[in-house]
Amino acid sequence: MIANLDNEVYFKHVFTDVEVFQEFVKDILNIEIKIEKVETEKVLPDPVSAIKFRMDLFAEDIESRAVVEIQKVDYDYTYDRFSHYFLANLIDVQRSSKAYAYEKDVYVIVVMTSSYRINEKNGMPIRDDVLITDLNPRTLNGTMRHMQNHKMIILNPKYINEETPANIKDWLDLIKESMFNQDDPQVNTTKKGIAKAVDLAQLSKITPEQLAEAKIAQMKKAARIYIENQAKQDGFTEGLEEGRQKGREEGMEEGREEGLKKGIEQGREEGLKKGIEQGIEKGIEQGIEKGIEQGKQMGIEEGQKIVIDKAITRALERGKLSVEEIAEDFEVSIPYVTQLRDNTD
């Protein structure tokens, strides 16, 4: 059974081995280094880095003039922090140089063991097995001009895929299997570096002191996760309540607006309906009144006509006045008087 390399104590126990470190660097960076030891918890001097941090693993090849740092993280420090590791090491190398030239090549390898919590500037999530940062300039068409060897590589076994280079995948498999398949890890032990790492990771070869340190590290990690989850839960609860309150306020406002809108529409419809009804009633009422008035007027006119007709008829019967004189006296036409005379005869 092998130890979980997600635990920083076990990770350092395995990768501080010179042979494992060299083989790991060879496969990941494609360079060969010769070192005598691997330092842990190295701190850069204050003039170099205003932000003090410790490098998990650090080694320097005097002959090939290469500096290699390995950072193992189980949660996302953000890319800004990783780039700070990288640039601070570059400044440290340049600080000891007589000119601006770098006297050593600087390499930083970051090993992630959890999902990324960072996104690209456009908001797209990062889901890559390998991310590479270097300082070489590029032309407008994207052609790189190789001027420096400095490089930072971020590895994440969570995103191993069919395109992951075999030399890198072997090491990512080792880390992933140690996390999820400790009893029977399926790794490429034909590689001497991997075989040595598996041998060192056997729990039977972990000292009691390392076991105690590993438990403390695990408890710190569990405490941090608990605090983060609790903060998320508190934030979710507060956000939920705030969202509900805002939703209520917006709902009431929208309800008022919708109610006003519907009220106006309904008022228009009811007003139109009542207006039509009242208009019809008013029209009927006015029609009746007008009809009565017209009827009265017609009755009067008809009565007057009857009286006039009778008076004309009597005048005709007396025979004292001619048709023309009668028409003139009663202000009617001669044909009208003539018609009355004929009807009487």
Protein backbone atom coordinates (compact mmCIF):
# COMPACT_ATOMS: atom_id res chain seq x y z
CA MET A 1 0.00 0.00 0.00
CA ILE A 2 1.41 3.36 -0.99
CA ALA A 3 1.04 6.71 0.73
CA ASN A 4 -1.23 9.42 -0.65
CA LEU A 5 1.04 11.85 -2.45
CA ASP A 6 -1.65 14.49 -2.12
CA ASN A 7 -0.32 14.84 1.43
CA GLU A 8 2.60 17.30 1.41
CA VAL A 9 4.60 15.25 3.93
CA TYR A 10 4.50 12.10 1.78
CA PHE A 11 5.05 14.14 -1.39
CA LYS A 12 8.24 15.67 0.01
CA HIS A 13 9.39 12.31 1.36
CA VAL A 14 9.25 10.83 -2.15
CA PHE A 15 10.41 13.76 -4.28
CA THR A 16 13.32 14.84 -2.09
CA ASP A 17 15.01 11.65 -3.26
CA VAL A 18 17.69 12.81 -5.70
CA GLU A 19 17.04 10.06 -8.26
CA VAL A 20 13.26 10.58 -8.22
CA PHE A 21 13.70 14.35 -8.50
CA GLN A 22 16.09 14.07 -11.45
CA GLU A 23 13.91 11.58 -13.34
CA PHE A 24 10.81 13.68 -12.71
CA VAL A 25 12.53 16.81 -14.03
CA LYS A 26 13.84 14.89 -17.05
CA ASP A 27 10.36 13.71 -18.08
CA ILE A 28 8.53 16.95 -17.36
CA LEU A 29 11.07 19.53 -18.58
CA ASN A 30 12.98 17.36 -21.05
CA ILE A 31 16.30 18.35 -19.47
CA GLU A 32 18.86 16.35 -17.51
CA ILE A 33 20.24 17.73 -14.28
CA LYS A 34 22.75 16.44 -11.79
CA ILE A 35 22.16 17.44 -8.20
CA GLU A 36 23.53 16.37 -4.84
CA LYS A 37 20.51 17.25 -2.70
CA VAL A 38 16.98 18.57 -2.73
CA GLU A 39 16.20 21.39 -0.31
CA THR A 40 12.81 21.90 1.29
CA GLU A 41 11.08 25.01 2.58
CA LYS A 42 13.65 27.31 0.96
CA VAL A 43 12.91 31.04 1.42
CA LEU A 44 14.17 33.75 -0.92
CA PRO A 45 15.87 36.80 0.64
CA ASP A 46 13.71 39.85 1.41
CA PRO A 47 15.28 42.16 -1.23
CA VAL A 48 14.07 39.72 -3.89
CA SER A 49 10.52 39.02 -2.75
CA ALA A 50 8.51 41.43 -0.66
CA ILE A 51 6.04 38.58 -0.18
CA LYS A 52 7.72 35.83 1.78
CA PHE A 53 6.93 32.30 0.64
CA ARG A 54 8.52 28.89 1.01
CA MET A 55 9.45 26.68 -1.90
CA ASP A 56 8.40 23.09 -1.23
CA LEU A 57 11.31 21.55 -3.13
CA PHE A 58 14.35 23.29 -4.54
CA ALA A 59 17.45 22.00 -6.31
CA GLU A 60 20.31 23.55 -8.23
CA ASP A 61 22.54 21.98 -10.83
CA ILE A 62 25.86 23.80 -10.59
CA GLU A 63 27.27 22.35 -13.81
CA SER A 64 24.32 22.95 -16.13
CA ARG A 65 23.45 26.17 -14.27
CA ALA A 66 19.81 25.24 -13.75
CA VAL A 67 17.52 25.96 -10.82
CA VAL A 68 14.41 23.81 -10.39
CA GLU A 69 11.62 24.45 -7.93
CA ILE A 70 8.65 22.13 -7.34
CA GLN A 71 5.49 23.38 -5.64
CA LYS A 72 2.81 20.91 -4.65
CA VAL A 73 -0.59 22.47 -3.92
CA ASP A 74 -3.90 20.81 -3.14
CA TYR A 75 -6.00 23.88 -3.76
CA ASP A 76 -5.84 26.82 -6.10
CA TYR A 77 -3.52 29.63 -5.03
CA THR A 78 -4.43 31.38 -8.32
CA TYR A 79 -2.16 31.81 -11.28
CA ASP A 80 -0.88 35.14 -9.92
CA ARG A 81 0.76 33.38 -7.00
CA PHE A 82 2.39 30.75 -9.21
CA SER A 83 3.76 33.44 -11.51
CA HIS A 84 5.13 35.21 -8.44
CA TYR A 85 7.10 32.05 -7.54
CA PHE A 86 8.46 31.98 -11.06
CA LEU A 87 9.39 35.66 -11.36
CA ALA A 88 10.84 35.89 -7.84
CA ASN A 89 13.26 33.06 -8.64
CA LEU A 90 14.25 34.86 -11.85
CA ILE A 91 14.94 38.05 -9.91
CA ASP A 92 17.00 36.12 -7.38
CA VAL A 93 19.14 34.66 -10.17
CA GLN A 94 19.53 38.04 -11.87
CA ARG A 95 20.36 39.78 -8.61
CA SER A 96 23.63 37.86 -8.32
CA SER A 97 24.56 38.52 -11.94
CA LYS A 98 27.02 41.22 -12.94
CA ALA A 99 24.79 42.26 -15.82
CA TYR A 100 21.17 41.85 -16.80
CA ALA A 101 21.88 38.42 -18.25
CA TYR A 102 20.60 35.41 -16.33
CA GLU A 103 23.45 33.18 -15.26
CA LYS A 104 21.14 30.23 -14.64
CA ASP A 105 18.00 28.79 -16.19
CA VAL A 106 15.02 28.87 -13.87
CA TYR A 107 12.33 26.18 -13.93
CA VAL A 108 9.24 25.98 -11.75
CA ILE A 109 6.94 22.94 -11.68
CA VAL A 110 3.59 23.32 -9.93
CA VAL A 111 1.72 20.11 -9.13
CA MET A 112 -2.02 20.63 -8.56
CA THR A 113 -4.12 17.90 -6.96
CA SER A 114 -7.58 19.47 -7.20
CA SER A 115 -9.79 21.15 -9.77
CA TYR A 116 -8.83 24.61 -10.90
CA ARG A 117 -10.84 27.43 -9.39
CA ILE A 118 -9.56 30.00 -11.83
CA ASN A 119 -10.89 30.97 -15.23
CA GLU A 120 -9.50 32.64 -18.30
CA LYS A 121 -9.96 36.39 -18.71
CA ASN A 122 -12.97 35.67 -20.92
CA GLY A 123 -14.55 33.66 -18.11
CA MET A 124 -14.00 30.23 -19.66
CA PRO A 125 -13.03 27.55 -17.09
CA ILE A 126 -9.56 25.99 -17.22
CA ARG A 127 -9.54 22.21 -17.66
CA ASP A 128 -5.98 21.49 -18.83
CA ASP A 129 -3.58 18.74 -17.80
CA VAL A 130 -0.49 20.82 -18.60
CA LEU A 131 -0.04 24.61 -18.69
CA ILE A 132 3.27 26.12 -19.81
CA THR A 133 4.53 29.65 -19.18
CA ASP A 134 7.78 31.01 -20.63
CA LEU A 135 9.34 34.41 -21.32
CA ASN A 136 10.17 34.03 -24.99
CA PRO A 137 8.90 36.74 -27.33
CA ARG A 138 6.57 35.97 -30.22
CA THR A 139 6.04 37.62 -33.57
CA LEU A 140 2.73 38.97 -34.77
CA ASN A 141 1.96 35.66 -36.46
CA GLY A 142 2.70 33.74 -33.25
CA THR A 143 6.18 32.45 -34.08
CA MET A 144 8.26 32.08 -30.91
CA ARG A 145 11.79 33.45 -30.80
CA HIS A 146 13.75 31.18 -28.48
CA MET A 147 15.84 33.52 -26.35
CA GLN A 148 15.54 32.02 -22.87
CA ASN A 149 15.01 28.59 -21.31
CA HIS A 150 13.11 29.81 -18.24
CA LYS A 151 9.85 27.99 -17.88
CA MET A 152 6.96 27.30 -15.49
CA ILE A 153 4.83 24.20 -15.95
CA ILE A 154 1.59 23.56 -14.09
CA LEU A 155 0.48 19.92 -13.90
CA ASN A 156 -2.93 18.62 -12.88
CA PRO A 157 -3.60 14.84 -12.78
CA LYS A 158 -7.33 15.54 -12.59
CA TYR A 159 -7.34 16.40 -16.29
CA ILE A 160 -5.29 13.57 -17.76
CA ASN A 161 -6.49 12.81 -21.29
CA GLU A 162 -5.53 10.82 -24.37
CA GLU A 163 -3.35 13.67 -25.61
CA THR A 164 -1.28 13.94 -22.43
CA PRO A 165 2.36 13.16 -23.38
CA ALA A 166 3.35 9.69 -22.13
CA ASN A 167 6.40 10.91 -20.19
CA ILE A 168 4.21 13.38 -18.27
CA LYS A 169 1.22 11.05 -17.96
CA ASP A 170 3.32 8.42 -16.14
CA TRP A 171 3.98 10.85 -13.29
CA LEU A 172 0.43 12.20 -13.23
CA ASP A 173 -0.83 8.60 -13.05
CA LEU A 174 1.45 7.99 -10.07
CA ILE A 175 0.01 10.97 -8.19
CA LYS A 176 -3.59 10.19 -9.12
CA GLU A 177 -3.31 6.47 -8.30
CA SER A 178 -1.76 7.30 -4.92
CA MET A 179 -4.84 9.38 -4.16
CA PHE A 180 -7.54 6.96 -5.32
CA ASN A 181 -6.02 3.48 -5.65
CA GLN A 182 -3.47 3.13 -2.89
CA ASP A 183 -3.87 -0.64 -2.48
CA ASP A 184 -3.19 -1.52 -6.13
CA PRO A 185 -1.77 1.47 -8.03
CA GLN A 186 -1.67 1.02 -11.80
CA VAL A 187 1.53 2.87 -12.74
CA ASN A 188 4.42 2.46 -15.15
CA THR A 189 7.08 0.91 -12.93
CA THR A 190 9.23 0.08 -15.95
CA LYS A 191 10.58 3.58 -15.51
CA LYS A 192 13.22 3.62 -12.82
CA GLY A 193 12.07 6.98 -11.46
CA ILE A 194 8.48 5.78 -11.09
CA ALA A 195 9.62 2.46 -9.59
CA LYS A 196 11.78 4.29 -7.05
CA ALA A 197 8.94 6.65 -6.16
CA VAL A 198 6.51 3.75 -5.62
CA ASP A 199 9.08 2.02 -3.41
CA LEU A 200 9.62 5.15 -1.30
CA ALA A 201 5.86 5.73 -1.04
CA GLN A 202 5.23 2.36 0.64
CA LEU A 203 3.62 3.07 4.00
CA SER A 204 5.93 0.51 5.56
CA LYS A 205 8.84 2.83 4.74
CA ILE A 206 7.28 5.91 6.29
CA THR A 207 8.73 6.79 9.70
CA PRO A 208 6.49 7.31 12.77
CA GLU A 209 7.53 10.97 12.79
CA GLN A 210 6.45 11.37 9.16
CA LEU A 211 3.16 9.63 9.87
CA ALA A 212 2.49 12.09 12.71
CA GLU A 213 3.39 15.06 10.49
CA ALA A 214 1.18 13.69 7.73
CA LYS A 215 -1.79 13.46 10.10
CA ILE A 216 -1.26 17.05 11.22
CA ALA A 217 -1.04 18.19 7.59
CA GLN A 218 -4.22 16.29 6.78
CA MET A 219 -6.04 17.84 9.75
CA LYS A 220 -4.95 21.32 8.63
CA LYS A 221 -6.24 20.58 5.16
CA ALA A 222 -9.54 19.26 6.55
CA ALA A 223 -9.86 22.35 8.75
CA ARG A 224 -9.19 24.63 5.79
CA ILE A 225 -11.76 22.79 3.66
CA TYR A 226 -14.29 23.01 6.50
CA ILE A 227 -13.70 26.75 6.88
CA GLU A 228 -13.98 27.27 3.12
CA ASN A 229 -17.17 25.20 2.93
CA GLN A 230 -18.62 26.99 5.95
CA ALA A 231 -17.78 30.34 4.39
CA LYS A 232 -19.42 29.20 1.16
CA GLN A 233 -22.47 28.01 3.08
CA ASP A 234 -22.69 31.26 5.05
CA GLY A 235 -22.24 33.20 1.84
CA PHE A 236 -24.87 31.04 0.13
CA THR A 237 -27.31 31.54 3.02
CA GLU A 238 -26.77 35.29 3.08
CA GLY A 239 -26.94 35.45 -0.67
CA LEU A 240 -30.11 33.35 -0.69
CA GLU A 241 -31.81 35.59 1.86
CA GLU A 242 -30.65 38.73 0.10
CA GLY A 243 -31.83 37.25 -3.18
CA ARG A 244 -35.21 36.41 -1.68
CA GLN A 245 -35.59 39.91 -0.27
CA LYS A 246 -34.56 41.47 -3.54
CA GLY A 247 -36.87 39.08 -5.36
CA ARG A 248 -39.74 40.09 -3.08
CA GLU A 249 -39.04 43.78 -3.63
CA GLU A 250 -38.71 43.37 -7.39
CA GLY A 251 -41.77 41.12 -7.41
CA MET A 252 -43.81 43.73 -5.53
CA GLU A 253 -42.63 46.45 -7.87
CA GLU A 254 -43.38 44.34 -10.92
CA GLY A 255 -46.69 43.39 -9.32
CA ARG A 256 -47.56 47.05 -8.86
CA GLU A 257 -46.63 47.84 -12.43
CA GLU A 258 -48.46 44.80 -13.77
CA GLY A 259 -51.45 45.53 -11.57
CA LEU A 260 -51.50 49.15 -12.70
CA LYS A 261 -51.21 48.07 -16.30
CA LYS A 262 -53.98 45.50 -15.96
CA GLY A 263 -56.07 47.98 -13.97
CA ILE A 264 -55.75 50.56 -16.70
CA GLU A 265 -56.61 48.01 -19.37
CA GLN A 266 -59.53 46.65 -17.36
CA GLY A 267 -60.65 50.18 -16.57
CA ARG A 268 -60.54 51.05 -20.25
CA GLU A 269 -62.58 47.96 -21.12
CA GLU A 270 -65.12 48.53 -18.37
CA GLY A 271 -65.24 52.25 -19.12
CA LEU A 272 -65.77 51.53 -22.79
CA LYS A 273 -68.47 48.98 -22.00
CA LYS A 274 -70.23 51.28 -19.56
CA GLY A 275 -69.78 54.18 -21.94
CA ILE A 276 -71.42 52.20 -24.71
CA GLU A 277 -74.25 51.14 -22.39
CA GLN A 278 -74.71 54.65 -21.07
CA GLY A 279 -74.44 56.01 -24.60
CA ILE A 280 -77.16 53.63 -25.77
CA GLU A 281 -79.37 54.54 -22.80
CA LYS A 282 -78.70 58.21 -23.32
CA GLY A 283 -79.35 57.84 -27.02
CA ILE A 284 -82.62 56.06 -26.40
CA GLU A 285 -83.62 58.68 -23.87
CA GLN A 286 -82.68 61.52 -26.16
CA GLY A 287 -84.37 59.74 -29.07
CA ILE A 288 -87.60 59.40 -27.10
CA GLU A 289 -87.45 63.05 -26.08
CA LYS A 290 -86.72 64.12 -29.61
CA GLY A 291 -89.45 61.83 -30.93
CA ILE A 292 -91.95 63.34 -28.53
CA GLU A 293 -90.92 66.83 -29.54
CA GLN A 294 -91.10 65.94 -33.21
CA GLY A 295 -94.43 64.20 -32.65
CA LYS A 296 -95.80 67.28 -30.90
CA GLN A 297 -94.55 69.49 -33.68
CA MET A 298 -96.01 67.19 -36.31
CA GLY A 299 -99.29 67.07 -34.41
CA ILE A 300 -99.44 70.83 -34.22
CA GLU A 301 -98.58 71.18 -37.84
CA GLU A 302 -101.13 68.54 -38.78
CA GLY A 303 -103.80 70.26 -36.64
CA GLN A 304 -103.01 73.60 -38.16
CA LYS A 305 -103.27 72.04 -41.63
CA ILE A 306 -106.70 70.59 -40.83
CA VAL A 307 -107.97 73.98 -39.55
CA ILE A 308 -106.61 75.75 -42.62
CA ASP A 309 -108.08 73.15 -44.94
CA LYS A 310 -111.51 73.55 -43.31
CA ALA A 311 -111.34 77.35 -43.53
CA ILE A 312 -110.36 77.16 -47.23
CA THR A 313 -113.21 74.71 -47.88
CA ARG A 314 -115.76 77.08 -46.22
CA ALA A 315 -114.40 80.01 -48.24
CA LEU A 316 -114.83 77.99 -51.42
CA GLU A 317 -118.39 77.04 -50.43
CA ARG A 318 -119.35 80.70 -49.88
CA GLY A 319 -118.15 81.49 -53.41
CA LYS A 320 -117.43 85.11 -52.58
CA LEU A 321 -113.67 84.85 -53.22
CA SER A 322 -111.85 83.49 -56.21
CA VAL A 323 -109.31 80.66 -55.95
CA GLU A 324 -106.48 83.13 -56.36
CA GLU A 325 -107.81 85.36 -53.55
CA ILE A 326 -108.30 82.43 -51.21
CA ALA A 327 -104.71 81.19 -51.88
CA GLU A 328 -103.39 84.67 -51.14
CA ASP A 329 -105.40 85.05 -47.92
CA PHE A 330 -104.37 81.66 -46.49
CA GLU A 331 -100.76 81.85 -47.83
CA VAL A 332 -100.99 78.62 -49.81
CA SER A 333 -100.55 77.81 -53.45
CA ILE A 334 -103.31 78.07 -56.03
CA PRO A 335 -102.93 74.34 -56.94
CA TYR A 336 -103.38 73.50 -53.26
CA VAL A 337 -106.72 75.42 -53.15
CA THR A 338 -107.77 73.95 -56.48
CA GLN A 339 -107.05 70.39 -55.14
CA LEU A 340 -109.16 71.04 -52.04
CA ARG A 341 -112.00 72.34 -54.25
CA ASP A 342 -111.87 69.32 -56.49
CA ASN A 343 -111.84 66.94 -53.52
CA THR A 344 -114.87 68.72 -52.07
CA ASP A 345 -116.80 68.42 -55.33
